[in-house]
Amino acid sequence: MAEEGNGPTASVEFVDNHGEVVGEGTIDQGPAGVVLNFSIDGLDEGWKAIHIHGVGTCEDHEEGFQASGGHLNPDDSEHGFLNPDGPDAGDLPNFYVHSDGSAMVEMFNERASLDGSVGGNMLDDDGSALVIHENPDDHMSQPIGGAGARVACGVVQGG
């Protein structure tokens, strides 16, 4: 296990459905999971869902980032923080985009890691992506909590 403060790190650059950059972030491995920090500029105002998806690609932006697959979910858990059989490793809290299109977000996930030491491995052979949805997650509905279309995506890049 990595020493506190010296664990693996990763970065992410978010693109929208037009392939335009709309944000960036970092992911830091801790002893019990990952801390995700990111900033967004250019999305519509409102609550948004964000999930860790199990394939590290965002190349199909015109098709809505479908190639990033479903959630990172190595133990086949059900989706949702409120689900008695959940959450899966890709579930994350909602965040709010302000009227100017910006958001600054920090969140923690204890079901995922960058090195496979905790939960789902975000940097395994097929990588992972952070996918932002147009609506908030209700934390219960299957498979994505009623979050709607995928509006932005960022490939998790180790480093």
N, C-alpha and C. Protein backbone atom coordinates (compact mmCIF):
# COMPACT_ATOMS: atom_id res chain seq x y z
N MET A 1 0.85 -1.19 0.00
CA MET A 1 0.00 0.00 0.00
C MET A 1 0.88 1.24 0.00
N ALA A 2 0.47 2.25 -0.72
CA ALA A 2 1.24 3.49 -0.84
C ALA A 2 1.25 4.24 0.48
N GLU A 3 2.36 4.94 0.75
CA GLU A 3 2.43 5.80 1.92
C GLU A 3 1.53 7.00 1.72
N GLU A 4 0.96 7.48 2.82
CA GLU A 4 0.06 8.63 2.74
C GLU A 4 0.75 9.81 2.08
N GLY A 5 0.10 10.39 1.08
CA GLY A 5 0.65 11.55 0.39
C GLY A 5 1.61 11.19 -0.73
N ASN A 6 1.98 9.93 -0.86
CA ASN A 6 2.92 9.52 -1.89
C ASN A 6 2.34 8.47 -2.83
N GLY A 7 1.04 8.37 -2.88
CA GLY A 7 0.40 7.37 -3.72
C GLY A 7 0.36 7.80 -5.17
N PRO A 8 -0.14 6.92 -6.03
CA PRO A 8 -0.26 7.24 -7.45
C PRO A 8 -1.17 8.45 -7.68
N THR A 9 -0.94 9.12 -8.79
CA THR A 9 -1.77 10.26 -9.18
C THR A 9 -2.22 10.07 -10.63
N ALA A 10 -3.25 10.79 -10.99
CA ALA A 10 -3.75 10.77 -12.37
C ALA A 10 -4.34 12.14 -12.68
N SER A 11 -4.54 12.36 -13.96
CA SER A 11 -5.17 13.61 -14.40
C SER A 11 -6.30 13.27 -15.37
N VAL A 12 -7.16 14.24 -15.59
CA VAL A 12 -8.29 14.07 -16.50
C VAL A 12 -8.58 15.40 -17.17
N GLU A 13 -8.87 15.34 -18.47
CA GLU A 13 -9.30 16.52 -19.22
C GLU A 13 -10.67 16.20 -19.80
N PHE A 14 -11.68 16.98 -19.42
CA PHE A 14 -13.05 16.75 -19.86
C PHE A 14 -13.31 17.41 -21.20
N VAL A 15 -14.00 16.69 -22.09
CA VAL A 15 -14.48 17.25 -23.35
C VAL A 15 -16.00 17.09 -23.40
N ASP A 16 -16.65 18.01 -24.12
CA ASP A 16 -18.10 17.93 -24.27
C ASP A 16 -18.47 17.17 -25.54
N ASN A 17 -19.74 17.14 -25.89
CA ASN A 17 -20.22 16.39 -27.05
C ASN A 17 -19.75 16.96 -28.38
N HIS A 18 -19.12 18.13 -28.36
CA HIS A 18 -18.54 18.73 -29.57
C HIS A 18 -17.03 18.53 -29.62
N GLY A 19 -16.47 17.83 -28.62
CA GLY A 19 -15.03 17.61 -28.55
C GLY A 19 -14.25 18.78 -27.99
N GLU A 20 -14.96 19.79 -27.44
CA GLU A 20 -14.31 20.97 -26.86
C GLU A 20 -13.96 20.71 -25.40
N VAL A 21 -12.79 21.17 -24.98
CA VAL A 21 -12.37 21.01 -23.59
C VAL A 21 -13.25 21.88 -22.69
N VAL A 22 -13.81 21.25 -21.64
CA VAL A 22 -14.69 21.97 -20.71
C VAL A 22 -14.25 21.80 -19.25
N GLY A 23 -13.10 21.19 -19.02
CA GLY A 23 -12.65 21.04 -17.64
C GLY A 23 -11.42 20.18 -17.52
N GLU A 24 -10.89 20.16 -16.30
CA GLU A 24 -9.72 19.35 -16.01
C GLU A 24 -9.73 18.99 -14.53
N GLY A 25 -8.92 17.99 -14.20
CA GLY A 25 -8.88 17.59 -12.81
C GLY A 25 -7.73 16.67 -12.49
N THR A 26 -7.64 16.34 -11.20
CA THR A 26 -6.62 15.42 -10.71
C THR A 26 -7.28 14.37 -9.84
N ILE A 27 -6.62 13.24 -9.74
CA ILE A 27 -7.05 12.15 -8.87
C ILE A 27 -5.83 11.72 -8.09
N ASP A 28 -5.97 11.67 -6.77
CA ASP A 28 -4.87 11.27 -5.88
C ASP A 28 -5.27 10.04 -5.09
N GLN A 29 -4.38 9.04 -5.11
CA GLN A 29 -4.60 7.81 -4.37
C GLN A 29 -4.23 8.03 -2.91
N GLY A 30 -5.13 7.65 -2.01
CA GLY A 30 -4.86 7.64 -0.59
C GLY A 30 -4.87 6.21 -0.10
N PRO A 31 -4.66 6.01 1.19
CA PRO A 31 -4.62 4.64 1.71
C PRO A 31 -5.97 3.92 1.68
N ALA A 32 -7.07 4.67 1.54
CA ALA A 32 -8.40 4.04 1.58
C ALA A 32 -9.28 4.40 0.40
N GLY A 33 -8.69 4.91 -0.69
CA GLY A 33 -9.48 5.28 -1.86
C GLY A 33 -8.85 6.44 -2.60
N VAL A 34 -9.65 7.13 -3.40
CA VAL A 34 -9.13 8.23 -4.22
C VAL A 34 -9.87 9.54 -3.92
N VAL A 35 -9.11 10.64 -4.00
CA VAL A 35 -9.67 11.99 -3.91
C VAL A 35 -9.68 12.55 -5.32
N LEU A 36 -10.85 12.98 -5.78
CA LEU A 36 -11.01 13.57 -7.11
C LEU A 36 -11.24 15.07 -6.96
N ASN A 37 -10.45 15.86 -7.66
CA ASN A 37 -10.61 17.32 -7.71
C ASN A 37 -10.75 17.71 -9.17
N PHE A 38 -11.77 18.49 -9.50
CA PHE A 38 -11.87 18.94 -10.88
C PHE A 38 -12.62 20.26 -10.97
N SER A 39 -12.37 20.95 -12.06
CA SER A 39 -13.08 22.19 -12.36
C SER A 39 -13.70 22.06 -13.74
N ILE A 40 -14.87 22.65 -13.88
CA ILE A 40 -15.64 22.59 -15.12
C ILE A 40 -15.96 24.02 -15.54
N ASP A 41 -15.97 24.26 -16.83
CA ASP A 41 -16.39 25.56 -17.35
C ASP A 41 -17.03 25.35 -18.72
N GLY A 42 -18.34 25.57 -18.81
CA GLY A 42 -18.99 25.44 -20.10
C GLY A 42 -20.14 24.47 -20.16
N LEU A 43 -20.63 24.00 -19.02
CA LEU A 43 -21.81 23.13 -19.02
C LEU A 43 -23.03 23.94 -18.60
N ASP A 44 -24.21 23.41 -18.89
CA ASP A 44 -25.46 24.06 -18.50
C ASP A 44 -25.62 24.04 -16.98
N GLU A 45 -26.26 25.08 -16.46
CA GLU A 45 -26.50 25.20 -15.02
C GLU A 45 -27.34 24.04 -14.52
N GLY A 46 -27.06 23.62 -13.28
CA GLY A 46 -27.87 22.62 -12.62
C GLY A 46 -27.05 21.50 -12.01
N TRP A 47 -27.76 20.64 -11.29
CA TRP A 47 -27.14 19.46 -10.68
C TRP A 47 -26.79 18.45 -11.76
N LYS A 48 -25.61 17.85 -11.63
CA LYS A 48 -25.11 16.87 -12.59
C LYS A 48 -24.65 15.62 -11.85
N ALA A 49 -24.86 14.48 -12.48
CA ALA A 49 -24.28 13.23 -12.01
C ALA A 49 -22.91 13.08 -12.65
N ILE A 50 -22.01 12.45 -11.94
CA ILE A 50 -20.72 12.05 -12.49
C ILE A 50 -20.44 10.64 -12.01
N HIS A 51 -19.92 9.81 -12.90
CA HIS A 51 -19.63 8.42 -12.57
C HIS A 51 -18.27 8.04 -13.16
N ILE A 52 -17.64 7.05 -12.54
CA ILE A 52 -16.43 6.45 -13.11
C ILE A 52 -16.89 5.33 -14.03
N HIS A 53 -16.56 5.43 -15.31
CA HIS A 53 -16.93 4.40 -16.28
C HIS A 53 -15.73 3.50 -16.55
N GLY A 54 -16.01 2.26 -16.93
CA GLY A 54 -15.01 1.20 -16.95
C GLY A 54 -14.09 1.12 -18.13
N VAL A 55 -14.21 2.00 -19.13
CA VAL A 55 -13.32 1.99 -20.30
C VAL A 55 -12.78 3.40 -20.51
N GLY A 56 -11.48 3.51 -20.64
CA GLY A 56 -10.82 4.81 -20.76
C GLY A 56 -10.81 5.37 -22.16
N THR A 57 -11.97 5.75 -22.67
CA THR A 57 -12.05 6.42 -23.96
C THR A 57 -13.18 7.44 -23.95
N CYS A 58 -12.94 8.54 -24.65
CA CYS A 58 -13.96 9.59 -24.84
C CYS A 58 -13.97 10.02 -26.30
N GLU A 59 -13.42 9.19 -27.18
CA GLU A 59 -13.27 9.55 -28.59
C GLU A 59 -14.60 9.69 -29.33
N ASP A 60 -15.63 9.02 -28.85
CA ASP A 60 -16.91 9.02 -29.56
C ASP A 60 -17.84 10.12 -29.04
N HIS A 61 -17.31 11.33 -28.90
CA HIS A 61 -18.10 12.43 -28.33
C HIS A 61 -19.38 12.70 -29.11
N GLU A 62 -19.35 12.53 -30.42
CA GLU A 62 -20.54 12.79 -31.23
C GLU A 62 -21.64 11.75 -31.00
N GLU A 63 -21.28 10.58 -30.48
CA GLU A 63 -22.25 9.53 -30.16
C GLU A 63 -22.58 9.49 -28.67
N GLY A 64 -22.14 10.48 -27.91
CA GLY A 64 -22.49 10.55 -26.49
C GLY A 64 -21.63 9.72 -25.57
N PHE A 65 -20.39 9.47 -25.96
CA PHE A 65 -19.41 8.79 -25.09
C PHE A 65 -19.83 7.37 -24.70
N GLN A 66 -20.54 6.69 -25.57
CA GLN A 66 -21.01 5.33 -25.26
C GLN A 66 -19.86 4.33 -25.16
N ALA A 67 -18.74 4.60 -25.83
CA ALA A 67 -17.61 3.67 -25.81
C ALA A 67 -16.95 3.56 -24.44
N SER A 68 -17.25 4.49 -23.54
CA SER A 68 -16.68 4.41 -22.19
C SER A 68 -17.36 3.33 -21.35
N GLY A 69 -18.37 2.69 -21.92
CA GLY A 69 -19.02 1.55 -21.26
C GLY A 69 -19.84 1.94 -20.05
N GLY A 70 -20.12 0.94 -19.23
CA GLY A 70 -20.86 1.15 -17.99
C GLY A 70 -19.93 1.54 -16.86
N HIS A 71 -20.48 1.58 -15.67
CA HIS A 71 -19.70 1.98 -14.50
C HIS A 71 -18.56 1.00 -14.20
N LEU A 72 -17.50 1.52 -13.62
CA LEU A 72 -16.46 0.69 -13.03
C LEU A 72 -17.15 -0.11 -11.93
N ASN A 73 -17.15 -1.44 -12.04
CA ASN A 73 -17.98 -2.24 -11.15
C ASN A 73 -17.45 -3.68 -11.08
N PRO A 74 -16.25 -3.87 -10.49
CA PRO A 74 -15.63 -5.20 -10.50
C PRO A 74 -16.38 -6.26 -9.71
N ASP A 75 -17.20 -5.86 -8.74
CA ASP A 75 -17.91 -6.86 -7.94
C ASP A 75 -19.41 -6.94 -8.25
N ASP A 76 -19.81 -6.35 -9.40
CA ASP A 76 -21.20 -6.43 -9.87
C ASP A 76 -22.23 -5.95 -8.85
N SER A 77 -21.90 -4.88 -8.13
CA SER A 77 -22.85 -4.27 -7.20
C SER A 77 -23.94 -3.54 -7.98
N GLU A 78 -25.06 -3.31 -7.33
CA GLU A 78 -26.12 -2.51 -7.92
C GLU A 78 -25.73 -1.03 -7.85
N HIS A 79 -26.29 -0.23 -8.75
CA HIS A 79 -26.03 1.20 -8.76
C HIS A 79 -26.77 1.90 -7.62
N GLY A 80 -26.12 2.89 -7.02
CA GLY A 80 -26.81 3.82 -6.14
C GLY A 80 -26.44 3.78 -4.68
N PHE A 81 -26.19 4.98 -4.13
CA PHE A 81 -25.89 5.12 -2.70
C PHE A 81 -27.06 4.72 -1.82
N LEU A 82 -28.29 4.84 -2.31
CA LEU A 82 -29.47 4.50 -1.51
C LEU A 82 -29.94 3.07 -1.74
N ASN A 83 -29.29 2.36 -2.63
CA ASN A 83 -29.66 0.98 -2.96
C ASN A 83 -29.07 0.04 -1.91
N PRO A 84 -29.87 -0.84 -1.31
CA PRO A 84 -29.32 -1.76 -0.31
C PRO A 84 -28.27 -2.72 -0.87
N ASP A 85 -28.24 -2.90 -2.20
CA ASP A 85 -27.23 -3.76 -2.83
C ASP A 85 -26.16 -2.94 -3.53
N GLY A 86 -26.06 -1.67 -3.22
CA GLY A 86 -25.08 -0.77 -3.83
C GLY A 86 -24.22 -0.15 -2.75
N PRO A 87 -23.43 0.78 -3.12
CA PRO A 87 -23.21 1.33 -4.46
C PRO A 87 -22.15 0.55 -5.22
N ASP A 88 -22.06 0.81 -6.53
CA ASP A 88 -20.97 0.22 -7.30
C ASP A 88 -19.74 1.13 -7.21
N ALA A 89 -18.61 0.65 -7.70
CA ALA A 89 -17.35 1.39 -7.58
C ALA A 89 -17.36 2.69 -8.36
N GLY A 90 -18.20 2.80 -9.38
CA GLY A 90 -18.25 4.01 -10.19
C GLY A 90 -19.17 5.09 -9.70
N ASP A 91 -19.95 4.81 -8.66
CA ASP A 91 -20.88 5.81 -8.14
C ASP A 91 -20.15 6.93 -7.42
N LEU A 92 -20.55 8.16 -7.73
CA LEU A 92 -20.00 9.36 -7.11
C LEU A 92 -21.15 10.30 -6.76
N PRO A 93 -20.94 11.25 -5.84
CA PRO A 93 -21.99 12.22 -5.52
C PRO A 93 -22.27 13.17 -6.68
N ASN A 94 -23.44 13.76 -6.68
CA ASN A 94 -23.78 14.81 -7.65
C ASN A 94 -22.99 16.08 -7.34
N PHE A 95 -22.91 16.97 -8.33
CA PHE A 95 -22.31 18.28 -8.11
C PHE A 95 -23.13 19.33 -8.86
N TYR A 96 -22.92 20.60 -8.52
CA TYR A 96 -23.72 21.68 -9.08
C TYR A 96 -22.90 22.56 -10.01
N VAL A 97 -23.43 22.81 -11.21
CA VAL A 97 -22.83 23.75 -12.16
C VAL A 97 -23.58 25.07 -12.01
N HIS A 98 -22.83 26.15 -11.77
CA HIS A 98 -23.41 27.48 -11.56
C HIS A 98 -23.92 28.09 -12.87
N SER A 99 -24.63 29.20 -12.76
CA SER A 99 -25.24 29.85 -13.93
C SER A 99 -24.22 30.29 -14.97
N ASP A 100 -22.96 30.50 -14.55
CA ASP A 100 -21.91 30.88 -15.51
C ASP A 100 -21.26 29.66 -16.15
N GLY A 101 -21.77 28.45 -15.86
CA GLY A 101 -21.25 27.23 -16.45
C GLY A 101 -20.09 26.60 -15.72
N SER A 102 -19.74 27.15 -14.55
CA SER A 102 -18.55 26.66 -13.84
C SER A 102 -18.91 25.83 -12.62
N ALA A 103 -17.97 24.97 -12.25
CA ALA A 103 -18.07 24.19 -11.02
C ALA A 103 -16.66 23.85 -10.57
N MET A 104 -16.45 23.85 -9.26
CA MET A 104 -15.21 23.36 -8.66
C MET A 104 -15.63 22.28 -7.68
N VAL A 105 -15.04 21.09 -7.81
CA VAL A 105 -15.55 19.93 -7.09
C VAL A 105 -14.41 19.15 -6.46
N GLU A 106 -14.65 18.67 -5.23
CA GLU A 106 -13.76 17.71 -4.59
C GLU A 106 -14.64 16.61 -4.01
N MET A 107 -14.28 15.36 -4.26
CA MET A 107 -15.03 14.23 -3.72
C MET A 107 -14.09 13.07 -3.46
N PHE A 108 -14.54 12.14 -2.63
CA PHE A 108 -13.76 10.97 -2.24
C PHE A 108 -14.53 9.71 -2.61
N ASN A 109 -13.81 8.70 -3.08
CA ASN A 109 -14.41 7.40 -3.40
C ASN A 109 -13.58 6.32 -2.73
N GLU A 110 -14.20 5.58 -1.82
CA GLU A 110 -13.51 4.50 -1.11
C GLU A 110 -13.69 3.14 -1.79
N ARG A 111 -14.26 3.13 -2.99
CA ARG A 111 -14.49 1.88 -3.72
C ARG A 111 -13.67 1.79 -5.00
N ALA A 112 -12.70 2.72 -5.16
CA ALA A 112 -11.87 2.74 -6.37
C ALA A 112 -10.46 3.18 -6.01
N SER A 113 -9.52 2.82 -6.88
CA SER A 113 -8.12 3.19 -6.67
C SER A 113 -7.43 3.32 -8.01
N LEU A 114 -6.23 3.87 -7.98
CA LEU A 114 -5.41 4.00 -9.19
C LEU A 114 -4.45 2.83 -9.36
N ASP A 115 -4.30 2.02 -8.32
CA ASP A 115 -3.33 0.92 -8.37
C ASP A 115 -3.93 -0.44 -8.07
N GLY A 116 -5.25 -0.51 -7.91
CA GLY A 116 -5.89 -1.79 -7.64
C GLY A 116 -5.89 -2.20 -6.18
N SER A 117 -5.34 -1.36 -5.30
CA SER A 117 -5.26 -1.72 -3.88
C SER A 117 -6.59 -1.60 -3.15
N VAL A 118 -7.51 -0.81 -3.69
CA VAL A 118 -8.83 -0.61 -3.09
C VAL A 118 -9.87 -0.68 -4.20
N GLY A 119 -10.83 -1.59 -4.11
CA GLY A 119 -11.96 -1.63 -5.04
C GLY A 119 -11.55 -1.72 -6.50
N GLY A 120 -12.29 -1.01 -7.36
CA GLY A 120 -12.05 -1.03 -8.80
C GLY A 120 -10.80 -0.27 -9.18
N ASN A 121 -10.01 -0.86 -10.07
CA ASN A 121 -8.75 -0.25 -10.52
C ASN A 121 -9.03 0.67 -11.70
N MET A 122 -8.87 1.97 -11.49
CA MET A 122 -9.15 2.96 -12.53
C MET A 122 -8.12 2.95 -13.65
N LEU A 123 -6.94 2.37 -13.39
CA LEU A 123 -5.88 2.34 -14.40
C LEU A 123 -5.55 0.91 -14.82
N ASP A 124 -6.56 0.04 -14.87
CA ASP A 124 -6.33 -1.32 -15.36
C ASP A 124 -6.10 -1.30 -16.87
N ASP A 125 -6.06 -2.46 -17.50
CA ASP A 125 -5.69 -2.55 -18.92
C ASP A 125 -6.55 -1.72 -19.85
N ASP A 126 -7.86 -1.60 -19.57
CA ASP A 126 -8.71 -0.79 -20.45
C ASP A 126 -9.01 0.59 -19.87
N GLY A 127 -8.37 0.94 -18.76
CA GLY A 127 -8.47 2.28 -18.19
C GLY A 127 -9.86 2.59 -17.67
N SER A 128 -10.13 3.88 -17.51
CA SER A 128 -11.43 4.35 -17.06
C SER A 128 -11.64 5.79 -17.50
N ALA A 129 -12.86 6.25 -17.38
CA ALA A 129 -13.20 7.63 -17.74
C ALA A 129 -14.18 8.17 -16.71
N LEU A 130 -14.11 9.47 -16.47
CA LEU A 130 -15.13 10.16 -15.67
C LEU A 130 -16.15 10.72 -16.64
N VAL A 131 -17.41 10.37 -16.44
CA VAL A 131 -18.47 10.80 -17.35
C VAL A 131 -19.48 11.64 -16.58
N ILE A 132 -19.75 12.84 -17.10
CA ILE A 132 -20.73 13.75 -16.52
C ILE A 132 -22.04 13.60 -17.30
N HIS A 133 -23.15 13.50 -16.56
CA HIS A 133 -24.48 13.35 -17.15
C HIS A 133 -25.26 14.65 -17.05
N GLU A 134 -26.28 14.79 -17.89
CA GLU A 134 -27.05 16.04 -17.97
C GLU A 134 -27.90 16.32 -16.74
N ASN A 135 -28.25 15.30 -15.96
CA ASN A 135 -29.13 15.44 -14.81
C ASN A 135 -28.47 14.87 -13.56
N PRO A 136 -29.05 15.13 -12.38
CA PRO A 136 -28.51 14.50 -11.17
C PRO A 136 -28.88 13.02 -11.10
N ASP A 137 -28.13 12.30 -10.31
CA ASP A 137 -28.36 10.88 -10.03
C ASP A 137 -29.35 10.80 -8.86
N ASP A 138 -30.36 9.94 -8.97
CA ASP A 138 -31.29 9.76 -7.85
C ASP A 138 -30.79 8.72 -6.86
N HIS A 139 -29.65 8.12 -7.13
CA HIS A 139 -28.95 7.17 -6.25
C HIS A 139 -29.70 5.86 -6.03
N MET A 140 -30.66 5.55 -6.91
CA MET A 140 -31.41 4.31 -6.75
C MET A 140 -31.78 3.65 -8.07
N SER A 141 -32.31 4.40 -9.04
CA SER A 141 -32.77 3.83 -10.30
C SER A 141 -31.63 3.13 -11.03
N GLN A 142 -31.97 2.03 -11.71
CA GLN A 142 -30.99 1.26 -12.47
C GLN A 142 -31.10 1.61 -13.94
N PRO A 143 -30.01 1.66 -14.69
CA PRO A 143 -28.64 1.42 -14.23
C PRO A 143 -27.88 2.68 -13.84
N ILE A 144 -28.41 3.90 -14.14
CA ILE A 144 -27.60 5.11 -13.92
C ILE A 144 -28.31 6.17 -13.08
N GLY A 145 -29.31 5.80 -12.33
CA GLY A 145 -29.94 6.75 -11.44
C GLY A 145 -30.73 7.84 -12.12
N GLY A 146 -31.23 7.58 -13.33
CA GLY A 146 -32.01 8.58 -14.04
C GLY A 146 -31.22 9.80 -14.46
N ALA A 147 -29.91 9.65 -14.60
CA ALA A 147 -29.03 10.80 -14.84
C ALA A 147 -29.06 11.33 -16.27
N GLY A 148 -29.64 10.60 -17.19
CA GLY A 148 -29.78 11.11 -18.55
C GLY A 148 -28.52 11.00 -19.40
N ALA A 149 -28.51 11.80 -20.45
CA ALA A 149 -27.44 11.74 -21.46
C ALA A 149 -26.07 12.07 -20.87
N ARG A 150 -25.06 11.55 -21.52
CA ARG A 150 -23.67 11.84 -21.17
C ARG A 150 -23.27 13.13 -21.88
N VAL A 151 -22.89 14.16 -21.10
CA VAL A 151 -22.61 15.47 -21.70
C VAL A 151 -21.14 15.86 -21.68
N ALA A 152 -20.32 15.16 -20.91
CA ALA A 152 -18.88 15.41 -20.90
C ALA A 152 -18.17 14.15 -20.43
N CYS A 153 -16.90 14.03 -20.83
CA CYS A 153 -16.15 12.82 -20.54
C CYS A 153 -14.68 13.16 -20.43
N GLY A 154 -13.98 12.51 -19.51
CA GLY A 154 -12.55 12.69 -19.38
C GLY A 154 -11.86 11.37 -19.12
N VAL A 155 -10.86 11.03 -19.93
CA VAL A 155 -10.08 9.81 -19.74
C VAL A 155 -9.13 9.99 -18.57
N VAL A 156 -9.08 9.01 -17.68
CA VAL A 156 -8.17 9.04 -16.54
C VAL A 156 -6.78 8.65 -17.04
N GLN A 157 -5.84 9.58 -16.91
CA GLN A 157 -4.46 9.39 -17.39
C GLN A 157 -3.52 9.25 -16.20
N GLY A 158 -2.88 8.10 -16.06
CA GLY A 158 -1.93 7.89 -14.97
C GLY A 158 -0.71 8.79 -15.11
N GLY A 159 -0.11 9.08 -13.96
CA GLY A 159 1.09 9.88 -14.10
C GLY A 159 1.40 10.66 -12.91
